Amino acid sequence: MPFIWNPLMEKFWTAIKRLAKCWIGKSTLECFSQEEAQALIRNDRAVLNNEYSIDTKKVVDAKGEERCFQTHKFRISKKENEKFMLGGIALDITDKLNAVKAREKREAQIQHTQKLESLGVLAGGIAHDLQQYPDGNTRLC
């Protein structure tokens, strides 16, 4: 099967490689501000006691950028008497949330436009009715 070059996938893998350089293999303290890192560490310890956690949180990374993450954390154990390990997945949902906000803003703008359009039709109808009576007397049914 011949190789098919896909520019979209190339952009995707370039972004993944960039994120990997920024995050993978680094400690929590290296990736987040001191305050955020301490909060994340406290949450990790709580998960070890409760077995599972889903959390959505805005954090500020070391570069000062605000990102929103949804984290799924879970307790892992090999044998009954061994200490638990922590497993987890963090999803950066910042772009998704921004897209939802943008869509809601567009929907609000469309609703506002529709309201103005309806008001214009109503005003046009009233003006039309008033023009039908040149003597100024209006008749209401």
Protein backbone atom coordinates (compact mmCIF):
# COMPACT_ATOMS: atom_id res chain seq x y z
CA MET A 1 0.00 0.00 0.00
CA PRO A 2 1.55 3.33 -1.02
CA PHE A 3 2.11 6.09 1.51
CA ILE A 4 -0.38 8.95 1.22
CA TRP A 5 0.80 12.30 2.57
CA ASN A 6 -1.81 14.03 4.70
CA PRO A 7 -1.01 17.68 5.58
CA LEU A 8 -3.63 17.73 8.34
CA MET A 9 -2.04 14.76 10.11
CA GLU A 10 1.37 16.37 9.71
CA LYS A 11 0.09 19.45 11.57
CA PHE A 12 -1.47 17.20 14.22
CA TRP A 13 1.78 15.28 14.87
CA THR A 14 3.78 18.51 14.88
CA ALA A 15 1.49 19.83 17.63
CA ILE A 16 1.78 16.56 19.58
CA LYS A 17 5.58 16.70 19.40
CA ARG A 18 5.54 20.32 20.61
CA LEU A 19 3.33 19.39 23.59
CA ALA A 20 5.51 16.40 24.38
CA LYS A 21 8.57 18.64 24.68
CA CYS A 22 6.69 20.96 27.05
CA TRP A 23 5.02 18.39 29.33
CA ILE A 24 6.17 14.78 29.10
CA GLY A 25 8.83 13.77 31.56
CA LYS A 26 8.53 16.91 33.67
CA SER A 27 7.27 17.17 37.21
CA THR A 28 4.10 18.99 38.15
CA LEU A 29 6.20 21.76 39.70
CA GLU A 30 7.97 22.33 36.36
CA CYS A 31 4.74 22.64 34.36
CA PHE A 32 2.59 24.81 36.62
CA SER A 33 2.85 27.70 39.01
CA GLN A 34 3.77 26.79 42.59
CA GLU A 35 0.19 27.29 43.83
CA GLU A 36 -1.38 25.25 41.03
CA ALA A 37 1.20 22.48 41.36
CA GLN A 38 0.55 22.13 45.10
CA ALA A 39 -3.22 21.94 44.49
CA LEU A 40 -2.72 19.23 41.85
CA ILE A 41 -0.47 17.24 44.19
CA ARG A 42 -3.09 17.44 46.99
CA ASN A 43 -5.72 16.18 44.53
CA ASP A 44 -3.47 13.27 43.52
CA ARG A 45 -3.13 12.22 47.15
CA ALA A 46 -6.91 12.39 47.64
CA VAL A 47 -7.44 10.16 44.59
CA LEU A 48 -5.19 7.53 46.11
CA ASN A 49 -7.69 7.34 48.98
CA ASN A 50 -10.90 7.51 46.88
CA GLU A 51 -10.03 5.33 43.83
CA TYR A 52 -11.29 7.69 41.07
CA SER A 53 -11.68 11.36 40.26
CA ILE A 54 -12.87 13.49 37.35
CA ASP A 55 -12.06 17.15 37.63
CA THR A 56 -12.18 20.15 35.32
CA LYS A 57 -9.90 22.96 36.29
CA LYS A 58 -8.41 26.11 34.88
CA VAL A 59 -4.70 26.31 35.50
CA VAL A 60 -1.91 28.71 34.66
CA ASP A 61 1.10 27.03 33.11
CA ALA A 62 4.72 28.04 33.64
CA LYS A 63 4.48 30.47 30.71
CA GLY A 64 1.57 32.30 32.38
CA GLU A 65 -1.05 31.04 29.91
CA GLU A 66 -4.44 29.96 31.24
CA ARG A 67 -5.55 26.50 30.07
CA CYS A 68 -8.51 24.32 31.02
CA PHE A 69 -7.95 20.63 31.71
CA GLN A 70 -10.30 17.76 32.38
CA THR A 71 -8.46 15.14 34.38
CA HIS A 72 -9.44 11.54 34.96
CA LYS A 73 -7.38 10.04 37.77
CA PHE A 74 -7.57 6.54 39.16
CA ARG A 75 -5.88 4.27 41.63
CA ILE A 76 -3.83 1.33 40.37
CA SER A 77 -2.66 -1.59 42.48
CA LYS A 78 -0.69 -4.65 41.47
CA LYS A 79 -1.16 -6.86 44.49
CA GLU A 80 -3.21 -6.67 47.65
CA ASN A 81 -0.41 -5.57 50.01
CA GLU A 82 1.42 -3.21 47.64
CA LYS A 83 1.10 0.55 47.71
CA PHE A 84 -1.28 2.11 45.23
CA MET A 85 -0.04 3.92 42.17
CA LEU A 86 -1.77 6.83 40.48
CA GLY A 87 -2.89 6.66 36.88
CA GLY A 88 -4.43 9.47 34.98
CA ILE A 89 -5.29 11.19 31.77
CA ALA A 90 -5.38 14.95 31.35
CA LEU A 91 -7.25 16.39 28.40
CA ASP A 92 -6.62 19.99 27.38
CA ILE A 93 -10.17 21.16 26.63
CA THR A 94 -9.35 24.87 26.30
CA ASP A 95 -9.92 24.97 22.54
CA LYS A 96 -13.17 23.02 22.86
CA LEU A 97 -14.51 25.41 25.51
CA ASN A 98 -13.49 28.42 23.42
CA ALA A 99 -15.34 26.94 20.43
CA VAL A 100 -18.47 26.42 22.55
CA LYS A 101 -18.31 30.02 23.80
CA ALA A 102 -17.86 31.31 20.25
CA ARG A 103 -20.83 29.24 19.04
CA GLU A 104 -23.02 30.54 21.90
CA LYS A 105 -22.00 34.10 21.06
CA ARG A 106 -22.90 33.58 17.39
CA GLU A 107 -26.25 32.06 18.37
CA ALA A 108 -27.00 35.06 20.60
CA GLN A 109 -26.12 37.41 17.73
CA ILE A 110 -28.42 35.49 15.38
CA GLN A 111 -31.28 35.65 17.90
CA HIS A 112 -30.73 39.38 18.32
CA THR A 113 -30.77 39.85 14.54
CA GLN A 114 -33.98 37.83 14.26
CA LYS A 115 -35.62 39.96 16.97
CA LEU A 116 -34.65 43.15 15.13
CA GLU A 117 -35.96 41.70 11.88
CA SER A 118 -39.30 40.83 13.52
CA LEU A 119 -39.52 44.31 14.99
CA GLY A 120 -38.87 45.80 11.55
CA VAL A 121 -41.63 43.69 9.98
CA LEU A 122 -44.03 44.75 12.74
CA ALA A 123 -43.14 48.44 12.35
CA GLY A 124 -43.53 48.14 8.57
CA GLY A 125 -46.97 46.62 9.00
CA ILE A 126 -48.07 49.40 11.35
CA ALA A 127 -46.72 52.07 9.00
CA HIS A 128 -48.55 50.44 6.10
CA ASP A 129 -51.82 50.44 8.03
CA LEU A 130 -51.40 54.11 9.00
CA GLN A 131 -50.72 55.11 5.38
CA GLN A 132 -54.00 53.60 4.26
CA TYR A 133 -55.91 56.37 6.02
CA PRO A 134 -54.66 59.73 4.67
CA ASP A 135 -57.08 61.77 6.80
CA GLY A 136 -55.22 60.70 9.94
CA ASN A 137 -58.15 58.74 11.36
CA THR A 138 -57.22 55.19 12.12
CA ARG A 139 -59.75 52.46 12.36
CA LEU A 140 -59.02 49.56 14.66
CA CYS A 141 -60.86 46.28 14.14
